[in-house]
Amino acid sequence: MAVVTSIEKDDREIRALHPTRLPCKYMVSNHAGQRILQLNTYGSDTRQNPGKQSQTLQFDENAASDLFNLLKREYGFD
């Protein structure tokens, strides 16, 4: 688990789509004077412990802004 502080484009191509589908939930809170976005993924139905929290990423304000801008750019969101 980690706090993401920046996001940069990787010039490599995605070779395959991952076969597993799973839910993701988010949380937003202030911690130590910083606004933090947290994304939590949960085990798929085929996992040994389905529905158990699996991975967590936290984004500080700069990384959240980077993510927002790249989603707008890459998907054409307004």
N, C-alpha and C. Protein backbone atom coordinates (compact mmCIF):
# COMPACT_ATOMS: atom_id res chain seq x y z
N MET A 1 0.84 -1.17 0.00
CA MET A 1 0.00 0.00 0.00
C MET A 1 0.88 1.23 0.00
N ALA A 2 0.42 2.25 -0.75
CA ALA A 2 1.27 3.41 -0.93
C ALA A 2 0.45 4.64 -1.24
N VAL A 3 1.08 5.80 -1.03
CA VAL A 3 0.48 7.07 -1.44
C VAL A 3 1.10 7.44 -2.78
N VAL A 4 0.26 7.60 -3.79
CA VAL A 4 0.71 8.01 -5.12
C VAL A 4 0.94 9.51 -5.08
N THR A 5 2.12 9.95 -5.51
CA THR A 5 2.44 11.37 -5.49
C THR A 5 2.54 11.98 -6.88
N SER A 6 2.63 11.15 -7.92
CA SER A 6 2.64 11.66 -9.29
C SER A 6 2.23 10.53 -10.23
N ILE A 7 1.77 10.93 -11.41
CA ILE A 7 1.38 9.96 -12.43
C ILE A 7 2.04 10.38 -13.73
N GLU A 8 2.71 9.44 -14.37
CA GLU A 8 3.39 9.72 -15.64
C GLU A 8 2.97 8.68 -16.66
N LYS A 9 2.95 9.07 -17.93
CA LYS A 9 2.59 8.16 -19.01
C LYS A 9 3.73 7.18 -19.25
N ASP A 10 3.37 5.92 -19.42
CA ASP A 10 4.30 4.85 -19.80
C ASP A 10 4.08 4.62 -21.28
N ASP A 11 5.12 4.69 -22.08
CA ASP A 11 4.98 4.60 -23.53
C ASP A 11 4.79 3.18 -24.06
N ARG A 12 4.87 2.19 -23.17
CA ARG A 12 4.66 0.82 -23.63
C ARG A 12 3.18 0.59 -23.92
N GLU A 13 2.89 -0.45 -24.70
CA GLU A 13 1.52 -0.81 -25.04
C GLU A 13 0.98 -1.84 -24.04
N ILE A 14 -0.32 -1.81 -23.81
CA ILE A 14 -0.98 -2.84 -23.01
C ILE A 14 -1.09 -4.06 -23.90
N ARG A 15 -0.54 -5.19 -23.46
CA ARG A 15 -0.50 -6.39 -24.29
C ARG A 15 -1.77 -7.22 -24.22
N ALA A 16 -2.45 -7.18 -23.08
CA ALA A 16 -3.66 -7.98 -22.93
C ALA A 16 -4.54 -7.37 -21.85
N LEU A 17 -5.82 -7.62 -21.95
CA LEU A 17 -6.77 -7.18 -20.93
C LEU A 17 -6.78 -8.23 -19.82
N HIS A 18 -6.69 -7.79 -18.57
CA HIS A 18 -6.73 -8.72 -17.45
C HIS A 18 -8.08 -9.43 -17.44
N PRO A 19 -8.11 -10.72 -17.17
CA PRO A 19 -9.36 -11.47 -17.23
C PRO A 19 -10.28 -11.27 -16.01
N THR A 20 -9.72 -10.86 -14.89
CA THR A 20 -10.50 -10.78 -13.66
C THR A 20 -11.23 -9.45 -13.56
N ARG A 21 -12.48 -9.51 -13.15
CA ARG A 21 -13.29 -8.32 -12.91
C ARG A 21 -13.56 -8.24 -11.42
N LEU A 22 -13.45 -7.04 -10.87
CA LEU A 22 -13.67 -6.89 -9.43
C LEU A 22 -14.16 -5.50 -9.10
N PRO A 23 -14.78 -5.33 -7.94
CA PRO A 23 -15.28 -4.01 -7.55
C PRO A 23 -14.17 -3.14 -6.96
N CYS A 24 -14.39 -1.84 -7.06
CA CYS A 24 -13.50 -0.85 -6.47
C CYS A 24 -14.37 0.17 -5.74
N LYS A 25 -13.98 0.51 -4.54
CA LYS A 25 -14.67 1.53 -3.77
C LYS A 25 -13.68 2.64 -3.45
N TYR A 26 -14.20 3.85 -3.26
CA TYR A 26 -13.30 4.96 -2.93
C TYR A 26 -13.71 5.63 -1.63
N MET A 27 -12.73 6.27 -1.03
CA MET A 27 -12.92 7.03 0.19
C MET A 27 -12.15 8.34 0.01
N VAL A 28 -12.64 9.41 0.60
CA VAL A 28 -11.94 10.69 0.59
C VAL A 28 -11.96 11.23 2.01
N SER A 29 -10.81 11.67 2.49
CA SER A 29 -10.77 12.26 3.82
C SER A 29 -9.56 13.17 3.95
N ASN A 30 -9.57 13.92 5.01
CA ASN A 30 -8.42 14.76 5.34
C ASN A 30 -7.58 14.01 6.36
N HIS A 31 -6.29 13.97 6.10
CA HIS A 31 -5.37 13.28 7.02
C HIS A 31 -4.11 14.12 7.12
N ALA A 32 -3.78 14.50 8.33
CA ALA A 32 -2.58 15.30 8.59
C ALA A 32 -2.54 16.54 7.70
N GLY A 33 -3.71 17.18 7.51
CA GLY A 33 -3.77 18.40 6.74
C GLY A 33 -3.81 18.22 5.23
N GLN A 34 -3.88 16.96 4.76
CA GLN A 34 -3.93 16.69 3.33
C GLN A 34 -5.24 16.02 2.97
N ARG A 35 -5.79 16.36 1.83
CA ARG A 35 -6.97 15.66 1.31
C ARG A 35 -6.45 14.45 0.55
N ILE A 36 -6.96 13.27 0.90
CA ILE A 36 -6.49 12.01 0.32
C ILE A 36 -7.67 11.26 -0.32
N LEU A 37 -7.46 10.80 -1.55
CA LEU A 37 -8.38 9.90 -2.23
C LEU A 37 -7.82 8.50 -2.08
N GLN A 38 -8.64 7.56 -1.63
CA GLN A 38 -8.20 6.17 -1.49
C GLN A 38 -9.09 5.27 -2.34
N LEU A 39 -8.48 4.44 -3.17
CA LEU A 39 -9.18 3.44 -3.97
C LEU A 39 -8.89 2.07 -3.39
N ASN A 40 -9.94 1.31 -3.10
CA ASN A 40 -9.80 -0.03 -2.55
C ASN A 40 -10.40 -1.03 -3.54
N THR A 41 -9.65 -2.08 -3.86
CA THR A 41 -10.20 -3.15 -4.68
C THR A 41 -10.49 -4.35 -3.78
N TYR A 42 -11.43 -5.16 -4.24
CA TYR A 42 -11.91 -6.28 -3.45
C TYR A 42 -11.82 -7.55 -4.26
N GLY A 43 -11.58 -8.67 -3.59
CA GLY A 43 -11.40 -9.94 -4.24
C GLY A 43 -12.57 -10.32 -5.14
N SER A 44 -12.24 -10.90 -6.29
CA SER A 44 -13.26 -11.33 -7.24
C SER A 44 -14.00 -12.54 -6.71
N ASP A 45 -15.07 -12.91 -7.39
CA ASP A 45 -15.88 -14.06 -6.98
C ASP A 45 -15.10 -15.37 -7.01
N THR A 46 -14.04 -15.43 -7.82
CA THR A 46 -13.26 -16.67 -7.94
C THR A 46 -12.08 -16.73 -6.99
N ARG A 47 -11.85 -15.69 -6.23
CA ARG A 47 -10.73 -15.64 -5.30
C ARG A 47 -11.02 -16.49 -4.06
N GLN A 48 -9.97 -16.91 -3.37
CA GLN A 48 -10.14 -17.72 -2.16
C GLN A 48 -11.02 -17.02 -1.13
N ASN A 49 -10.83 -15.70 -0.97
CA ASN A 49 -11.65 -14.90 -0.06
C ASN A 49 -12.39 -13.83 -0.87
N PRO A 50 -13.48 -14.21 -1.56
CA PRO A 50 -14.19 -13.22 -2.38
C PRO A 50 -14.70 -12.06 -1.53
N GLY A 51 -14.61 -10.86 -2.09
CA GLY A 51 -15.12 -9.69 -1.39
C GLY A 51 -14.19 -9.10 -0.35
N LYS A 52 -13.07 -9.77 -0.06
CA LYS A 52 -12.12 -9.24 0.92
C LYS A 52 -11.29 -8.13 0.27
N GLN A 53 -11.05 -7.05 1.03
CA GLN A 53 -10.23 -5.97 0.49
C GLN A 53 -8.89 -6.52 0.06
N SER A 54 -8.47 -6.12 -1.13
CA SER A 54 -7.28 -6.70 -1.72
C SER A 54 -6.14 -5.69 -1.84
N GLN A 55 -6.37 -4.62 -2.57
CA GLN A 55 -5.32 -3.63 -2.79
C GLN A 55 -5.86 -2.24 -2.50
N THR A 56 -4.98 -1.36 -2.08
CA THR A 56 -5.33 0.02 -1.75
C THR A 56 -4.30 0.96 -2.35
N LEU A 57 -4.79 2.02 -2.99
CA LEU A 57 -3.92 3.10 -3.45
C LEU A 57 -4.47 4.40 -2.90
N GLN A 58 -3.59 5.22 -2.37
CA GLN A 58 -3.97 6.54 -1.89
C GLN A 58 -3.33 7.58 -2.81
N PHE A 59 -4.09 8.64 -3.11
CA PHE A 59 -3.63 9.70 -3.99
C PHE A 59 -3.62 11.01 -3.21
N ASP A 60 -2.47 11.69 -3.20
CA ASP A 60 -2.45 13.02 -2.62
C ASP A 60 -3.08 13.98 -3.63
N GLU A 61 -3.22 15.25 -3.28
CA GLU A 61 -3.93 16.19 -4.14
C GLU A 61 -3.27 16.34 -5.51
N ASN A 62 -1.94 16.36 -5.56
CA ASN A 62 -1.24 16.49 -6.84
C ASN A 62 -1.50 15.30 -7.74
N ALA A 63 -1.42 14.10 -7.19
CA ALA A 63 -1.64 12.90 -7.99
C ALA A 63 -3.10 12.80 -8.41
N ALA A 64 -4.02 13.19 -7.55
CA ALA A 64 -5.44 13.18 -7.90
C ALA A 64 -5.70 14.15 -9.06
N SER A 65 -5.06 15.29 -9.04
CA SER A 65 -5.18 16.25 -10.13
C SER A 65 -4.61 15.67 -11.42
N ASP A 66 -3.46 15.01 -11.32
CA ASP A 66 -2.87 14.33 -12.50
C ASP A 66 -3.84 13.30 -13.06
N LEU A 67 -4.44 12.50 -12.17
CA LEU A 67 -5.39 11.47 -12.59
C LEU A 67 -6.60 12.09 -13.27
N PHE A 68 -7.15 13.15 -12.68
CA PHE A 68 -8.29 13.86 -13.25
C PHE A 68 -7.97 14.35 -14.66
N ASN A 69 -6.82 14.99 -14.81
CA ASN A 69 -6.43 15.55 -16.11
C ASN A 69 -6.17 14.46 -17.15
N LEU A 70 -5.56 13.37 -16.74
CA LEU A 70 -5.31 12.32 -17.73
C LEU A 70 -6.60 11.62 -18.14
N LEU A 71 -7.55 11.47 -17.23
CA LEU A 71 -8.85 10.88 -17.60
C LEU A 71 -9.58 11.79 -18.58
N LYS A 72 -9.54 13.09 -18.34
CA LYS A 72 -10.17 14.03 -19.28
C LYS A 72 -9.51 13.93 -20.65
N ARG A 73 -8.19 13.88 -20.67
CA ARG A 73 -7.44 13.86 -21.93
C ARG A 73 -7.62 12.53 -22.67
N GLU A 74 -7.44 11.42 -21.98
CA GLU A 74 -7.43 10.11 -22.63
C GLU A 74 -8.82 9.63 -23.04
N TYR A 75 -9.86 10.02 -22.28
CA TYR A 75 -11.23 9.58 -22.57
C TYR A 75 -12.09 10.69 -23.16
N GLY A 76 -11.54 11.89 -23.27
CA GLY A 76 -12.29 13.00 -23.84
C GLY A 76 -13.39 13.52 -22.94
N PHE A 77 -13.25 13.33 -21.63
CA PHE A 77 -14.25 13.84 -20.69
C PHE A 77 -14.19 15.36 -20.67
N ASP A 78 -15.32 15.97 -20.47
CA ASP A 78 -15.36 17.44 -20.36
C ASP A 78 -15.00 17.89 -18.98
